[in-house]
């Protein structure tokens, strides 16, 4: 009986080992981990975390303040986690929260200190060193593929679903 079970497990193991989608996931996961480690090493001297840098990045790319909901959606973090992160960043003087009359949402924007830190001290050199190895064509292909994977996953998780009765 154990022999049949071991044979079955070996077939499944071989199948999983040779599964191209699982192998792509493993490669993507390894790539994410190592690129993230390079970026974390680069920003370590700033005494900033990668989630804080992500928020500064998003806010620096916006032409208007972002809501907590937008930040949570962009970072794929829970609303409460983003709220806590923003509170810490506000205490450091990197962001400011504002309310607009009649609107229940909280809007987040960069302070001058946050903007100066992001634009003058966050060099993103590690990212350039990594992606400079790709040709322009390869960068376009990677961009297209990653967007497709991201968007497919968002659809599968229902992250962009809005019931028709909501504004």
Protein backbone atom coordinates (compact mmCIF):
# COMPACT_ATOMS: atom_id res chain seq x y z
CA UNK A 1 0.00 0.00 0.00
CA UNK A 2 2.80 2.39 0.90
CA UNK A 3 4.48 1.62 -2.40
CA UNK A 4 1.37 2.70 -4.36
CA UNK A 5 1.14 5.85 -2.30
CA UNK A 6 4.84 6.58 -2.86
CA UNK A 7 4.39 6.00 -6.59
CA UNK A 8 1.44 8.38 -6.64
CA UNK A 9 3.39 11.04 -4.74
CA UNK A 10 6.36 10.65 -7.10
CA UNK A 11 4.09 11.16 -10.14
CA UNK A 12 2.63 14.30 -8.57
CA UNK A 13 6.10 15.54 -7.59
CA UNK A 14 7.38 15.04 -11.13
CA UNK A 15 4.31 16.73 -12.57
CA UNK A 16 4.75 19.75 -10.28
CA UNK A 17 8.47 19.90 -10.94
CA UNK A 18 7.85 20.06 -14.70
CA UNK A 19 4.88 22.45 -14.54
CA UNK A 20 5.86 25.52 -16.61
CA UNK A 21 3.43 27.84 -14.79
CA UNK A 22 4.71 26.81 -11.36
CA UNK A 23 8.29 27.23 -12.58
CA UNK A 24 7.45 30.74 -13.85
CA UNK A 25 5.93 31.56 -10.48
CA UNK A 26 9.07 30.33 -8.69
CA UNK A 27 11.23 32.46 -10.99
CA UNK A 28 9.00 35.50 -10.48
CA UNK A 29 9.07 34.99 -6.70
CA UNK A 30 12.87 34.63 -6.68
CA UNK A 31 13.25 37.72 -8.86
CA UNK A 32 10.93 39.75 -6.65
CA UNK A 33 12.83 38.66 -3.56
CA UNK A 34 16.28 39.48 -4.87
CA UNK A 35 15.30 42.82 -6.46
CA UNK A 36 13.52 43.78 -3.23
CA UNK A 37 16.67 42.90 -1.26
CA UNK A 38 18.79 45.12 -3.52
CA UNK A 39 16.40 48.05 -3.08
CA UNK A 40 16.22 47.53 0.69
CA UNK A 41 20.02 47.54 0.88
CA UNK A 42 20.11 50.78 -1.11
CA UNK A 43 17.59 52.59 1.12
CA UNK A 44 18.90 51.21 4.43
CA UNK A 45 20.98 54.35 5.12
CA UNK A 46 17.80 56.47 4.88
CA UNK A 47 16.25 54.58 7.80
CA UNK A 48 13.17 54.08 5.64
CA UNK A 49 11.21 50.94 4.88
CA UNK A 50 10.27 49.79 1.41
CA UNK A 51 6.54 50.40 2.08
CA UNK A 52 7.39 54.00 3.02
CA UNK A 53 9.40 54.40 -0.19
CA UNK A 54 6.47 52.94 -2.17
CA UNK A 55 4.15 55.57 -0.71
CA UNK A 56 6.64 58.37 -1.48
CA UNK A 57 6.99 57.00 -5.02
CA UNK A 58 3.24 56.95 -5.61
CA UNK A 59 2.67 60.39 -4.13
CA UNK A 60 5.54 61.87 -6.15
CA UNK A 61 3.96 60.54 -9.36
CA UNK A 62 0.51 61.92 -8.57
CA UNK A 63 -0.60 65.37 -9.67
CA UNK A 64 -3.03 65.46 -6.76
CA UNK A 65 -3.20 64.05 -3.23
CA UNK A 66 -4.10 60.36 -2.96
CA UNK A 67 -6.72 58.86 -0.70
CA UNK A 68 -5.92 56.17 1.83
CA UNK A 69 -8.04 53.82 -0.29
CA UNK A 70 -5.93 54.56 -3.38
CA UNK A 71 -2.73 53.94 -1.44
CA UNK A 72 -4.09 50.66 -0.07
CA UNK A 73 -5.11 49.58 -3.57
CA UNK A 74 -1.76 50.56 -5.09
CA UNK A 75 0.32 48.84 -2.41
CA UNK A 76 -2.06 45.86 -2.11
CA UNK A 77 -2.10 46.31 1.67
CA UNK A 78 -5.02 46.37 4.07
CA UNK A 79 -6.52 49.79 4.72
CA UNK A 80 -5.57 49.63 8.43
CA UNK A 81 -1.93 48.81 7.59
CA UNK A 82 -1.72 51.73 5.18
CA UNK A 83 -3.35 54.03 7.72
CA UNK A 84 -0.76 53.03 10.34
CA UNK A 85 2.05 53.52 7.81
CA UNK A 86 0.76 56.98 6.89
CA UNK A 87 0.50 57.95 10.58
CA UNK A 88 4.17 57.00 11.08
CA UNK A 89 5.19 58.91 7.97
CA UNK A 90 3.19 61.93 9.12
CA UNK A 91 5.03 61.90 12.47
CA UNK A 92 8.33 61.95 10.52
CA UNK A 93 7.03 64.95 8.58
CA UNK A 94 7.10 63.15 5.22
CA UNK A 95 3.39 63.35 4.39
CA UNK A 96 0.39 65.36 5.48
CA UNK A 97 -3.24 64.34 5.77
CA UNK A 98 -6.02 66.69 4.76
CA UNK A 99 -9.80 66.59 4.62
CA UNK A 100 -11.91 68.41 2.09
CA UNK A 101 -15.13 69.98 3.33
CA UNK A 102 -18.03 67.59 2.93
CA UNK A 103 -15.80 64.67 1.91
CA UNK A 104 -15.28 61.81 4.35
CA UNK A 105 -12.06 60.68 2.65
CA UNK A 106 -8.62 61.55 3.94
CA UNK A 107 -6.18 62.83 1.33
CA UNK A 108 -2.44 62.26 1.61
CA UNK A 109 0.22 64.43 0.00
CA UNK A 110 3.97 64.81 0.22
CA UNK A 111 5.38 67.48 2.47
CA UNK A 112 8.37 69.50 1.34
CA UNK A 113 10.55 67.25 3.55
CA UNK A 114 9.07 64.09 2.00
CA UNK A 115 9.50 65.45 -1.52
CA UNK A 116 13.09 66.48 -0.87
CA UNK A 117 13.92 63.11 0.66
CA UNK A 118 12.39 61.18 -2.21
CA UNK A 119 13.73 63.29 -5.06
CA UNK A 120 17.21 63.98 -3.70
CA UNK A 121 18.10 60.93 -1.63
CA UNK A 122 16.22 57.98 -3.12
CA UNK A 123 18.45 57.36 -6.12
CA UNK A 124 16.89 54.10 -7.36
CA UNK A 125 20.40 53.24 -8.56
CA UNK A 126 19.95 49.55 -7.77
CA UNK A 127 16.88 49.43 -10.01
CA UNK A 128 18.78 51.07 -12.87
CA UNK A 129 21.74 48.71 -12.47
CA UNK A 130 19.39 45.73 -12.66
CA UNK A 131 17.19 46.84 -15.56
CA UNK A 132 19.96 48.47 -17.62
CA UNK A 133 20.95 44.91 -18.58
CA UNK A 134 17.75 44.65 -20.63
CA UNK A 135 17.40 46.08 -24.10
CA UNK A 136 14.67 48.59 -24.83
CA UNK A 137 12.69 45.84 -26.57
CA UNK A 138 13.11 43.47 -23.61
CA UNK A 139 11.92 46.19 -21.21
CA UNK A 140 8.79 46.72 -23.31
CA UNK A 141 8.13 42.97 -23.42
CA UNK A 142 8.66 42.59 -19.68
CA UNK A 143 6.39 45.56 -19.00
CA UNK A 144 3.65 44.07 -21.17
CA UNK A 145 3.95 40.61 -19.63
CA UNK A 146 4.04 41.85 -16.03
CA UNK A 147 1.02 44.10 -16.62
CA UNK A 148 -0.88 41.16 -18.06
CA UNK A 149 0.02 38.93 -15.08
CA UNK A 150 -0.82 41.71 -12.60
CA UNK A 151 -4.15 42.54 -14.25
CA UNK A 152 -5.16 38.89 -14.58
CA UNK A 153 -4.39 38.31 -10.91
CA UNK A 154 -6.31 41.44 -9.86
CA UNK A 155 -9.30 40.17 -11.88
CA UNK A 156 -9.05 36.69 -10.31
CA UNK A 157 -9.01 38.23 -6.83
CA UNK A 158 -11.84 40.63 -7.66
CA UNK A 159 -9.71 43.61 -6.63
CA UNK A 160 -11.16 45.93 -9.25
CA UNK A 161 -14.77 44.86 -8.92
CA UNK A 162 -17.18 47.67 -8.09
CA UNK A 163 -20.84 46.82 -7.70
CA UNK A 164 -22.95 48.76 -10.22
CA UNK A 165 -24.85 50.54 -7.44
CA UNK A 166 -21.70 52.26 -6.06
CA UNK A 167 -20.63 55.65 -7.43
